[in-house]
N, C-alpha and C. Protein backbone atom coordinates (compact mmCIF):
# COMPACT_ATOMS: atom_id res chain seq x y z
N UNK A 1 64.67 1.15 -13.49
CA UNK A 1 64.38 1.94 -12.32
C UNK A 1 62.91 1.80 -11.97
N UNK A 2 62.64 1.44 -10.73
CA UNK A 2 61.27 1.21 -10.30
C UNK A 2 60.54 2.54 -10.18
N UNK A 3 59.29 2.53 -10.61
CA UNK A 3 58.50 3.75 -10.49
C UNK A 3 57.83 3.79 -9.13
N UNK A 4 57.70 4.98 -8.63
CA UNK A 4 57.10 5.15 -7.31
C UNK A 4 55.59 5.10 -7.44
N UNK A 5 54.94 4.38 -6.55
CA UNK A 5 53.48 4.29 -6.57
C UNK A 5 52.89 5.65 -6.24
N UNK A 6 51.77 6.00 -6.89
CA UNK A 6 51.13 7.28 -6.58
C UNK A 6 50.65 7.31 -5.14
N UNK A 7 50.65 8.47 -4.53
CA UNK A 7 50.20 8.55 -3.14
C UNK A 7 48.75 8.13 -3.02
N UNK A 8 48.43 7.50 -1.91
CA UNK A 8 47.06 7.05 -1.68
C UNK A 8 46.19 8.26 -1.36
N UNK A 9 45.06 8.35 -2.03
CA UNK A 9 44.14 9.47 -1.80
C UNK A 9 43.24 9.17 -0.61
N UNK A 10 43.02 10.19 0.19
CA UNK A 10 42.08 10.04 1.30
C UNK A 10 40.66 10.40 0.88
N UNK A 11 40.54 10.99 -0.29
CA UNK A 11 39.22 11.43 -0.72
C UNK A 11 38.36 10.25 -1.13
N UNK A 12 37.08 10.44 -0.99
CA UNK A 12 36.11 9.42 -1.30
C UNK A 12 35.90 9.37 -2.80
N UNK A 13 36.05 8.20 -3.38
CA UNK A 13 35.82 8.05 -4.81
C UNK A 13 34.66 7.09 -4.98
N UNK A 14 33.63 7.57 -5.62
CA UNK A 14 32.39 6.80 -5.69
C UNK A 14 31.87 6.83 -7.11
N UNK A 15 31.33 5.70 -7.55
CA UNK A 15 30.79 5.64 -8.89
C UNK A 15 29.54 6.48 -9.07
N UNK A 16 28.83 6.75 -7.99
CA UNK A 16 27.62 7.55 -8.08
C UNK A 16 27.64 8.59 -6.97
N UNK A 17 28.28 9.71 -7.27
CA UNK A 17 28.43 10.76 -6.26
C UNK A 17 27.08 11.31 -5.84
N UNK A 18 26.16 11.44 -6.76
CA UNK A 18 24.85 12.00 -6.42
C UNK A 18 24.19 11.18 -5.31
N UNK A 19 24.19 9.85 -5.45
CA UNK A 19 23.58 8.99 -4.43
C UNK A 19 24.32 9.11 -3.10
N UNK A 20 25.64 9.21 -3.18
CA UNK A 20 26.42 9.34 -1.95
C UNK A 20 26.08 10.64 -1.23
N UNK A 21 25.87 11.71 -1.98
CA UNK A 21 25.53 13.00 -1.39
C UNK A 21 24.14 12.98 -0.77
N UNK A 22 23.19 12.35 -1.46
CA UNK A 22 21.83 12.25 -0.91
C UNK A 22 21.84 11.42 0.36
N UNK A 23 22.57 10.32 0.36
CA UNK A 23 22.67 9.48 1.56
C UNK A 23 23.28 10.27 2.72
N UNK A 24 24.33 11.04 2.42
CA UNK A 24 24.97 11.85 3.46
C UNK A 24 24.00 12.91 3.98
N UNK A 25 23.21 13.50 3.08
CA UNK A 25 22.24 14.50 3.49
C UNK A 25 21.16 13.89 4.38
N UNK A 26 20.70 12.69 4.03
CA UNK A 26 19.69 12.01 4.85
C UNK A 26 20.23 11.71 6.24
N UNK A 27 21.47 11.29 6.32
CA UNK A 27 22.09 11.00 7.62
C UNK A 27 22.19 12.26 8.47
N UNK A 28 22.66 13.35 7.86
CA UNK A 28 22.77 14.61 8.58
C UNK A 28 21.40 15.13 9.02
N UNK A 29 20.44 14.98 8.13
CA UNK A 29 19.09 15.47 8.41
C UNK A 29 18.53 14.79 9.65
N UNK A 30 18.60 13.48 9.72
CA UNK A 30 18.03 12.77 10.87
C UNK A 30 18.85 12.99 12.14
N UNK A 31 20.15 13.16 11.99
CA UNK A 31 21.00 13.33 13.17
C UNK A 31 20.91 14.73 13.76
N UNK A 32 20.84 15.75 12.87
CA UNK A 32 20.99 17.12 13.36
C UNK A 32 19.96 18.11 12.83
N UNK A 33 19.07 17.68 11.94
CA UNK A 33 18.08 18.60 11.42
C UNK A 33 18.51 19.25 10.12
N UNK A 34 17.54 19.88 9.46
CA UNK A 34 17.79 20.43 8.13
C UNK A 34 18.81 21.57 8.16
N UNK A 35 18.89 22.28 9.28
CA UNK A 35 19.84 23.39 9.37
C UNK A 35 21.28 22.93 9.28
N UNK A 36 21.52 21.65 9.57
CA UNK A 36 22.89 21.12 9.56
C UNK A 36 23.39 20.82 8.15
N UNK A 37 22.52 20.89 7.17
CA UNK A 37 22.90 20.50 5.81
C UNK A 37 23.46 21.68 5.05
N UNK A 38 24.67 21.52 4.56
CA UNK A 38 25.26 22.50 3.64
C UNK A 38 25.99 21.72 2.55
N UNK A 39 26.07 22.30 1.38
CA UNK A 39 26.72 21.61 0.28
C UNK A 39 28.20 21.38 0.58
N UNK A 40 28.84 22.33 1.23
CA UNK A 40 30.27 22.17 1.56
C UNK A 40 30.47 21.02 2.55
N UNK A 41 29.61 20.95 3.56
CA UNK A 41 29.75 19.87 4.54
C UNK A 41 29.50 18.50 3.90
N UNK A 42 28.55 18.44 2.98
CA UNK A 42 28.29 17.18 2.30
C UNK A 42 29.47 16.77 1.43
N UNK A 43 30.11 17.76 0.81
CA UNK A 43 31.32 17.46 0.04
C UNK A 43 32.38 16.85 0.95
N UNK A 44 32.52 17.42 2.14
CA UNK A 44 33.49 16.87 3.09
C UNK A 44 33.09 15.46 3.51
N UNK A 45 31.80 15.24 3.74
CA UNK A 45 31.34 13.90 4.12
C UNK A 45 31.67 12.88 3.04
N UNK A 46 31.52 13.30 1.77
CA UNK A 46 31.77 12.39 0.66
C UNK A 46 33.24 12.36 0.26
N UNK A 47 34.05 13.25 0.83
CA UNK A 47 35.48 13.26 0.52
C UNK A 47 35.80 13.81 -0.85
N UNK A 48 34.98 14.76 -1.32
CA UNK A 48 35.24 15.36 -2.63
C UNK A 48 35.34 16.87 -2.48
N UNK A 49 35.92 17.51 -3.49
CA UNK A 49 35.98 18.96 -3.51
C UNK A 49 34.58 19.52 -3.63
N UNK A 50 34.31 20.64 -2.96
CA UNK A 50 32.96 21.18 -2.97
C UNK A 50 32.47 21.53 -4.37
N UNK A 51 33.41 21.78 -5.29
CA UNK A 51 32.99 22.10 -6.66
C UNK A 51 32.32 20.91 -7.33
N UNK A 52 32.69 19.70 -6.91
CA UNK A 52 32.06 18.50 -7.48
C UNK A 52 30.59 18.42 -7.11
N UNK A 53 30.24 18.92 -5.93
CA UNK A 53 28.85 18.89 -5.48
C UNK A 53 27.99 19.77 -6.38
N UNK A 54 28.54 20.91 -6.78
CA UNK A 54 27.74 21.86 -7.56
C UNK A 54 27.46 21.35 -8.97
N UNK A 55 28.15 20.31 -9.40
CA UNK A 55 27.82 19.72 -10.69
C UNK A 55 26.49 18.97 -10.62
N UNK A 56 26.13 18.53 -9.42
CA UNK A 56 24.86 17.82 -9.23
C UNK A 56 23.77 18.72 -8.65
N UNK A 57 24.18 19.64 -7.78
CA UNK A 57 23.21 20.49 -7.10
C UNK A 57 23.67 21.95 -7.19
N UNK A 58 22.99 22.75 -7.99
CA UNK A 58 23.41 24.15 -8.10
C UNK A 58 23.20 24.95 -6.83
N UNK A 59 22.29 24.46 -5.96
CA UNK A 59 22.03 25.16 -4.71
C UNK A 59 21.44 24.17 -3.70
N UNK A 60 21.26 24.65 -2.47
CA UNK A 60 20.75 23.80 -1.41
C UNK A 60 19.31 23.36 -1.68
N UNK A 61 18.52 24.23 -2.28
CA UNK A 61 17.13 23.89 -2.57
C UNK A 61 17.03 22.65 -3.45
N UNK A 62 17.86 22.57 -4.46
CA UNK A 62 17.81 21.41 -5.36
C UNK A 62 18.19 20.13 -4.63
N UNK A 63 19.11 20.23 -3.69
CA UNK A 63 19.46 19.07 -2.87
C UNK A 63 18.30 18.66 -1.98
N UNK A 64 17.70 19.63 -1.29
CA UNK A 64 16.59 19.32 -0.38
C UNK A 64 15.41 18.74 -1.15
N UNK A 65 15.18 19.22 -2.36
CA UNK A 65 14.09 18.69 -3.17
C UNK A 65 14.30 17.21 -3.47
N UNK A 66 15.54 16.83 -3.78
CA UNK A 66 15.81 15.42 -4.06
C UNK A 66 15.73 14.59 -2.79
N UNK A 67 16.19 15.14 -1.66
CA UNK A 67 16.07 14.42 -0.39
C UNK A 67 14.59 14.20 -0.05
N UNK A 68 13.78 15.24 -0.23
CA UNK A 68 12.34 15.10 0.03
C UNK A 68 11.71 14.10 -0.91
N UNK A 69 12.13 14.11 -2.18
CA UNK A 69 11.61 13.13 -3.14
C UNK A 69 11.90 11.71 -2.67
N UNK A 70 13.14 11.48 -2.21
CA UNK A 70 13.49 10.14 -1.71
C UNK A 70 12.61 9.78 -0.52
N UNK A 71 12.33 10.79 0.32
CA UNK A 71 11.47 10.54 1.47
C UNK A 71 10.08 10.10 1.05
N UNK A 72 9.50 10.79 0.07
CA UNK A 72 8.16 10.42 -0.39
C UNK A 72 8.16 9.03 -1.02
N UNK A 73 9.23 8.68 -1.72
CA UNK A 73 9.29 7.34 -2.33
C UNK A 73 9.43 6.27 -1.24
N UNK A 74 10.18 6.57 -0.20
CA UNK A 74 10.26 5.63 0.93
C UNK A 74 8.91 5.50 1.62
N UNK A 75 8.21 6.62 1.76
CA UNK A 75 6.89 6.57 2.37
C UNK A 75 5.95 5.70 1.54
N UNK A 76 5.99 5.85 0.23
CA UNK A 76 5.14 5.03 -0.64
C UNK A 76 5.41 3.54 -0.41
N UNK A 77 6.68 3.18 -0.28
CA UNK A 77 7.03 1.78 -0.02
C UNK A 77 6.48 1.32 1.33
N UNK A 78 6.57 2.20 2.33
CA UNK A 78 6.06 1.86 3.66
C UNK A 78 4.55 1.67 3.63
N UNK A 79 3.86 2.55 2.91
CA UNK A 79 2.40 2.43 2.83
C UNK A 79 1.98 1.16 2.10
N UNK A 80 2.70 0.83 1.04
CA UNK A 80 2.39 -0.40 0.31
C UNK A 80 2.59 -1.62 1.20
N UNK A 81 3.65 -1.61 1.98
CA UNK A 81 3.92 -2.73 2.88
C UNK A 81 2.84 -2.84 3.97
N UNK A 82 2.44 -1.70 4.53
CA UNK A 82 1.46 -1.70 5.62
C UNK A 82 0.07 -2.10 5.16
N UNK A 83 -0.24 -1.86 3.89
CA UNK A 83 -1.59 -2.13 3.40
C UNK A 83 -1.69 -3.38 2.54
N UNK A 84 -0.57 -4.06 2.34
CA UNK A 84 -0.52 -5.17 1.38
C UNK A 84 -1.56 -6.25 1.64
N UNK A 85 -1.84 -6.57 2.89
CA UNK A 85 -2.75 -7.68 3.19
C UNK A 85 -4.08 -7.21 3.79
N UNK A 86 -4.37 -5.94 3.63
CA UNK A 86 -5.61 -5.40 4.17
C UNK A 86 -6.72 -5.47 3.14
N UNK A 87 -7.94 -5.58 3.63
CA UNK A 87 -9.09 -5.57 2.74
C UNK A 87 -9.22 -4.20 2.08
N UNK A 88 -9.78 -4.13 0.89
CA UNK A 88 -9.93 -2.84 0.21
C UNK A 88 -10.81 -1.88 1.01
N UNK A 89 -10.63 -0.60 0.75
CA UNK A 89 -11.47 0.41 1.36
C UNK A 89 -11.00 0.85 2.73
N UNK A 90 -11.92 0.90 3.69
CA UNK A 90 -11.60 1.45 5.01
C UNK A 90 -10.41 0.77 5.68
N UNK A 91 -10.32 -0.57 5.71
CA UNK A 91 -9.15 -1.19 6.35
C UNK A 91 -7.82 -0.73 5.73
N UNK A 92 -7.80 -0.58 4.41
CA UNK A 92 -6.58 -0.10 3.75
C UNK A 92 -6.26 1.34 4.16
N UNK A 93 -7.28 2.19 4.23
CA UNK A 93 -7.06 3.58 4.62
C UNK A 93 -6.56 3.70 6.06
N UNK A 94 -7.13 2.90 6.94
CA UNK A 94 -6.69 2.94 8.35
C UNK A 94 -5.26 2.43 8.47
N UNK A 95 -4.96 1.31 7.81
CA UNK A 95 -3.59 0.78 7.85
C UNK A 95 -2.61 1.77 7.23
N UNK A 96 -3.04 2.44 6.15
CA UNK A 96 -2.19 3.44 5.54
C UNK A 96 -1.95 4.62 6.45
N UNK A 97 -2.98 5.03 7.18
CA UNK A 97 -2.82 6.12 8.14
C UNK A 97 -1.80 5.77 9.23
N UNK A 98 -1.89 4.54 9.72
CA UNK A 98 -0.92 4.09 10.74
C UNK A 98 0.48 4.01 10.13
N UNK A 99 0.58 3.53 8.88
CA UNK A 99 1.89 3.48 8.21
C UNK A 99 2.49 4.86 8.04
N UNK A 100 1.64 5.83 7.73
CA UNK A 100 2.08 7.22 7.60
C UNK A 100 2.69 7.69 8.92
N UNK A 101 1.99 7.40 10.02
CA UNK A 101 2.51 7.78 11.34
C UNK A 101 3.82 7.07 11.66
N UNK A 102 3.90 5.78 11.41
CA UNK A 102 5.11 5.03 11.74
C UNK A 102 6.31 5.54 10.96
N UNK A 103 6.09 5.88 9.68
CA UNK A 103 7.17 6.45 8.89
C UNK A 103 7.65 7.75 9.52
N UNK A 104 6.71 8.62 9.91
CA UNK A 104 7.07 9.90 10.51
C UNK A 104 7.77 9.71 11.85
N UNK A 105 7.28 8.77 12.63
CA UNK A 105 7.90 8.50 13.94
C UNK A 105 9.35 8.03 13.78
N UNK A 106 9.58 7.20 12.76
CA UNK A 106 10.92 6.64 12.55
C UNK A 106 11.86 7.61 11.83
N UNK A 107 11.31 8.60 11.14
CA UNK A 107 12.12 9.55 10.36
C UNK A 107 11.60 10.97 10.60
N UNK A 108 11.64 11.44 11.85
CA UNK A 108 10.97 12.71 12.16
C UNK A 108 11.49 13.92 11.39
N UNK A 109 12.79 14.06 11.27
CA UNK A 109 13.32 15.23 10.57
C UNK A 109 13.05 15.17 9.07
N UNK A 110 13.12 13.97 8.51
CA UNK A 110 12.78 13.82 7.10
C UNK A 110 11.29 14.12 6.90
N UNK A 111 10.45 13.64 7.79
CA UNK A 111 9.02 13.93 7.70
C UNK A 111 8.75 15.43 7.78
N UNK A 112 9.43 16.12 8.68
CA UNK A 112 9.21 17.57 8.80
C UNK A 112 9.64 18.29 7.52
N UNK A 113 10.71 17.83 6.89
CA UNK A 113 11.11 18.41 5.61
C UNK A 113 10.04 18.15 4.55
N UNK A 114 9.57 16.92 4.48
CA UNK A 114 8.56 16.54 3.49
C UNK A 114 7.25 17.28 3.71
N UNK A 115 6.87 17.46 4.97
CA UNK A 115 5.57 18.04 5.31
C UNK A 115 5.63 19.54 5.52
N UNK A 116 6.82 20.11 5.40
CA UNK A 116 6.99 21.54 5.64
C UNK A 116 6.64 22.37 4.43
N UNK A 117 7.21 23.57 4.37
CA UNK A 117 6.95 24.49 3.26
C UNK A 117 7.26 23.82 1.93
N UNK A 118 6.40 24.07 0.96
CA UNK A 118 6.55 23.41 -0.35
C UNK A 118 7.86 23.83 -1.00
N UNK A 119 8.64 22.85 -1.41
CA UNK A 119 9.94 23.10 -2.02
C UNK A 119 9.81 23.38 -3.52
N UNK A 120 8.73 22.92 -4.11
CA UNK A 120 8.60 22.98 -5.56
C UNK A 120 7.66 24.10 -6.01
N UNK A 121 7.79 25.27 -5.38
CA UNK A 121 6.87 26.36 -5.69
C UNK A 121 6.98 26.82 -7.13
N UNK A 122 8.17 26.71 -7.72
CA UNK A 122 8.35 27.14 -9.10
C UNK A 122 8.15 26.04 -10.12
N UNK A 123 7.82 24.84 -9.66
CA UNK A 123 7.60 23.73 -10.58
C UNK A 123 8.86 23.17 -11.20
N UNK A 124 10.02 23.51 -10.61
CA UNK A 124 11.28 23.06 -11.21
C UNK A 124 11.68 21.64 -10.81
N UNK A 125 10.91 21.03 -9.90
CA UNK A 125 11.23 19.68 -9.44
C UNK A 125 10.01 18.77 -9.67
N UNK A 126 9.68 18.47 -10.91
CA UNK A 126 8.48 17.65 -11.18
C UNK A 126 8.56 16.26 -10.58
N UNK A 127 9.75 15.70 -10.45
CA UNK A 127 9.87 14.36 -9.87
C UNK A 127 9.43 14.35 -8.41
N UNK A 128 9.61 15.47 -7.72
CA UNK A 128 9.16 15.56 -6.33
C UNK A 128 7.64 15.50 -6.27
N UNK A 129 6.97 16.26 -7.11
CA UNK A 129 5.51 16.22 -7.13
C UNK A 129 5.00 14.83 -7.52
N UNK A 130 5.70 14.18 -8.45
CA UNK A 130 5.31 12.81 -8.84
C UNK A 130 5.44 11.85 -7.67
N UNK A 131 6.49 12.03 -6.86
CA UNK A 131 6.70 11.15 -5.71
C UNK A 131 5.61 11.35 -4.66
N UNK A 132 5.19 12.60 -4.45
CA UNK A 132 4.10 12.87 -3.51
C UNK A 132 2.82 12.18 -3.99
N UNK A 133 2.51 12.35 -5.27
CA UNK A 133 1.30 11.75 -5.83
C UNK A 133 1.34 10.22 -5.73
N UNK A 134 2.51 9.63 -5.97
CA UNK A 134 2.64 8.18 -5.89
C UNK A 134 2.41 7.68 -4.47
N UNK A 135 2.91 8.42 -3.48
CA UNK A 135 2.71 8.01 -2.08
C UNK A 135 1.23 8.02 -1.71
N UNK A 136 0.52 9.05 -2.16
CA UNK A 136 -0.88 9.18 -1.78
C UNK A 136 -1.83 8.38 -2.66
N UNK A 137 -1.27 7.69 -3.65
CA UNK A 137 -2.10 6.83 -4.50
C UNK A 137 -2.75 5.72 -3.69
N UNK A 138 -2.07 5.27 -2.64
CA UNK A 138 -2.64 4.25 -1.75
C UNK A 138 -3.95 4.76 -1.15
N UNK A 139 -3.95 6.02 -0.71
CA UNK A 139 -5.15 6.60 -0.11
C UNK A 139 -6.24 6.81 -1.17
N UNK A 140 -5.83 7.25 -2.36
CA UNK A 140 -6.81 7.45 -3.43
C UNK A 140 -7.50 6.14 -3.78
N UNK A 141 -6.73 5.06 -3.84
CA UNK A 141 -7.33 3.75 -4.14
C UNK A 141 -8.27 3.32 -3.02
N UNK A 142 -7.87 3.61 -1.78
CA UNK A 142 -8.74 3.28 -0.66
C UNK A 142 -10.09 3.97 -0.76
N UNK A 143 -10.07 5.26 -1.09
CA UNK A 143 -11.33 5.99 -1.23
C UNK A 143 -12.13 5.51 -2.44
N UNK A 144 -11.44 5.16 -3.52
CA UNK A 144 -12.14 4.61 -4.69
C UNK A 144 -12.85 3.32 -4.31
N UNK A 145 -12.21 2.51 -3.47
CA UNK A 145 -12.78 1.22 -3.09
C UNK A 145 -13.98 1.34 -2.17
N UNK A 146 -14.15 2.50 -1.51
CA UNK A 146 -15.36 2.66 -0.69
C UNK A 146 -16.45 3.40 -1.46
N UNK A 147 -16.21 3.61 -2.75
CA UNK A 147 -17.25 4.16 -3.60
C UNK A 147 -17.21 5.65 -3.82
N UNK A 148 -16.10 6.30 -3.48
CA UNK A 148 -15.98 7.74 -3.72
C UNK A 148 -16.02 8.02 -5.22
N UNK A 149 -16.80 9.01 -5.61
CA UNK A 149 -16.92 9.35 -7.02
C UNK A 149 -15.56 9.79 -7.57
N UNK A 150 -15.25 9.41 -8.80
CA UNK A 150 -13.93 9.74 -9.38
C UNK A 150 -13.59 11.23 -9.33
N UNK A 151 -14.59 12.10 -9.49
CA UNK A 151 -14.29 13.53 -9.50
C UNK A 151 -14.02 14.08 -8.10
N UNK A 152 -14.23 13.25 -7.06
CA UNK A 152 -13.96 13.68 -5.69
C UNK A 152 -12.73 13.01 -5.09
N UNK A 153 -12.11 12.11 -5.83
CA UNK A 153 -11.01 11.34 -5.27
C UNK A 153 -9.84 12.21 -4.82
N UNK A 154 -9.42 13.14 -5.68
CA UNK A 154 -8.27 13.97 -5.33
C UNK A 154 -8.58 14.81 -4.10
N UNK A 155 -9.76 15.39 -4.06
CA UNK A 155 -10.14 16.22 -2.91
C UNK A 155 -10.16 15.42 -1.63
N UNK A 156 -10.81 14.26 -1.65
CA UNK A 156 -10.92 13.44 -0.42
C UNK A 156 -9.55 12.93 0.02
N UNK A 157 -8.74 12.52 -0.94
CA UNK A 157 -7.39 12.03 -0.61
C UNK A 157 -6.56 13.15 0.01
N UNK A 158 -6.64 14.33 -0.57
CA UNK A 158 -5.86 15.47 -0.07
C UNK A 158 -6.28 15.85 1.34
N UNK A 159 -7.59 15.89 1.60
CA UNK A 159 -8.08 16.24 2.93
C UNK A 159 -7.66 15.18 3.95
N UNK A 160 -7.80 13.93 3.58
CA UNK A 160 -7.40 12.83 4.48
C UNK A 160 -5.92 12.92 4.83
N UNK A 161 -5.07 13.07 3.80
CA UNK A 161 -3.62 13.12 4.02
C UNK A 161 -3.22 14.36 4.82
N UNK A 162 -3.84 15.51 4.49
CA UNK A 162 -3.49 16.75 5.19
C UNK A 162 -3.90 16.69 6.66
N UNK A 163 -5.09 16.13 6.93
CA UNK A 163 -5.53 16.01 8.32
C UNK A 163 -4.61 15.07 9.10
N UNK A 164 -4.27 13.94 8.49
CA UNK A 164 -3.34 13.02 9.15
C UNK A 164 -1.99 13.67 9.40
N UNK A 165 -1.50 14.37 8.39
CA UNK A 165 -0.21 15.05 8.53
C UNK A 165 -0.24 16.02 9.71
N UNK A 166 -1.33 16.75 9.85
CA UNK A 166 -1.44 17.67 10.97
C UNK A 166 -1.44 16.97 12.31
N UNK A 167 -2.22 15.90 12.42
CA UNK A 167 -2.27 15.14 13.68
C UNK A 167 -0.90 14.55 14.01
N UNK A 168 -0.27 13.97 13.01
CA UNK A 168 1.04 13.35 13.22
C UNK A 168 2.07 14.40 13.63
N UNK A 169 2.04 15.56 12.99
CA UNK A 169 2.97 16.63 13.36
C UNK A 169 2.77 17.04 14.81
N UNK A 170 1.51 17.15 15.23
CA UNK A 170 1.24 17.54 16.63
C UNK A 170 1.73 16.47 17.60
N UNK A 171 1.62 15.21 17.21
CA UNK A 171 2.14 14.13 18.07
C UNK A 171 3.66 14.22 18.17
N UNK A 172 4.31 14.40 17.03
CA UNK A 172 5.78 14.44 17.03
C UNK A 172 6.31 15.63 17.81
N UNK A 173 5.60 16.76 17.75
CA UNK A 173 6.02 17.95 18.49
C UNK A 173 5.55 17.93 19.94
N UNK A 174 4.85 16.85 20.31
CA UNK A 174 4.33 16.66 21.67
C UNK A 174 3.34 17.75 22.09
N UNK A 175 2.69 18.34 21.11
CA UNK A 175 1.61 19.27 21.43
C UNK A 175 0.32 18.49 21.67
N UNK A 176 0.21 17.37 20.99
CA UNK A 176 -0.89 16.44 21.21
C UNK A 176 -0.30 15.30 22.03
N UNK A 177 -0.66 15.25 23.30
CA UNK A 177 -0.01 14.32 24.22
C UNK A 177 -0.65 12.93 24.12
N UNK A 178 0.07 12.06 23.43
CA UNK A 178 -0.38 10.68 23.27
C UNK A 178 0.76 9.79 23.74
N UNK A 179 0.46 8.88 24.65
CA UNK A 179 1.50 7.97 25.14
C UNK A 179 2.03 7.14 23.98
N UNK A 180 3.36 6.97 23.89
CA UNK A 180 3.94 6.20 22.77
C UNK A 180 3.30 4.84 22.57
N UNK A 181 2.96 4.17 23.66
CA UNK A 181 2.37 2.83 23.55
C UNK A 181 0.96 2.87 22.94
N UNK A 182 0.32 4.04 22.98
CA UNK A 182 -1.05 4.16 22.48
C UNK A 182 -1.13 4.91 21.16
N UNK A 183 0.01 5.35 20.65
CA UNK A 183 0.00 6.22 19.48
C UNK A 183 -0.56 5.54 18.23
N UNK A 184 -0.16 4.30 17.99
CA UNK A 184 -0.67 3.60 16.80
C UNK A 184 -2.18 3.46 16.85
N UNK A 185 -2.71 3.08 18.00
CA UNK A 185 -4.16 2.92 18.14
C UNK A 185 -4.85 4.27 17.99
N UNK A 186 -4.23 5.31 18.51
CA UNK A 186 -4.81 6.65 18.40
C UNK A 186 -4.90 7.08 16.94
N UNK A 187 -3.81 6.88 16.19
CA UNK A 187 -3.80 7.26 14.77
C UNK A 187 -4.80 6.40 13.99
N UNK A 188 -4.92 5.14 14.35
CA UNK A 188 -5.92 4.29 13.69
C UNK A 188 -7.32 4.83 13.93
N UNK A 189 -7.61 5.26 15.17
CA UNK A 189 -8.92 5.83 15.47
C UNK A 189 -9.16 7.12 14.69
N UNK A 190 -8.14 7.97 14.63
CA UNK A 190 -8.25 9.21 13.87
C UNK A 190 -8.51 8.91 12.40
N UNK A 191 -7.78 7.95 11.86
CA UNK A 191 -7.96 7.56 10.44
C UNK A 191 -9.38 7.07 10.21
N UNK A 192 -9.89 6.28 11.15
CA UNK A 192 -11.25 5.75 11.02
C UNK A 192 -12.27 6.90 11.04
N UNK A 193 -12.08 7.85 11.93
CA UNK A 193 -13.00 9.00 12.01
C UNK A 193 -12.93 9.83 10.72
N UNK A 194 -11.73 10.00 10.19
CA UNK A 194 -11.59 10.78 8.96
C UNK A 194 -12.28 10.08 7.79
N UNK A 195 -12.12 8.78 7.70
CA UNK A 195 -12.75 8.03 6.61
C UNK A 195 -14.27 8.18 6.69
N UNK A 196 -14.81 8.04 7.90
CA UNK A 196 -16.27 8.13 8.06
C UNK A 196 -16.75 9.56 7.79
N UNK A 197 -15.91 10.55 8.14
CA UNK A 197 -16.32 11.93 7.99
C UNK A 197 -16.24 12.46 6.57
N UNK A 198 -15.24 11.97 5.80
CA UNK A 198 -15.07 12.53 4.46
C UNK A 198 -15.25 11.50 3.36
N UNK A 199 -15.50 10.23 3.71
CA UNK A 199 -15.56 9.17 2.73
C UNK A 199 -16.76 9.17 1.83
């Protein structure tokens, strides 16, 4: 007697559910904003029972922290690519500033999550803080190459990145009216002024 084949499942079966959930969250984030992300909806996107999601993420904060971490790691890759052939020091810092802007322009909702309220206030997501530090290492090296004293590197890097983040946020929110065709040059000029002012 022939055995009947098991019914075909419509649910998504993936070898790495965590990665699938993060990818789904990134897609939702860019399409509809952070408010659109819920663990139940991501479970539906991945085709799994919502209880499976909670095995990886006990709450929404833990999911957003990992999404932000991925964002910072992507930013680090973008900065490395933008600065790879630049001379050390000021040219690297200016190219990095432009790369920072281009990443934000191409991933505005992810950038707003990354640049928004700190997700790791309790220190429970050390990998997120490591990813932020790794992204800004490009800027720290740039300041080191122009002769910034080692004990001032963190301060100068933080001020440079924070000022750029503010300018970029204002451009993305259209509070700072810069024509799209001129935005890269504008950010390059801002980066140059910041380097001269705090370098």
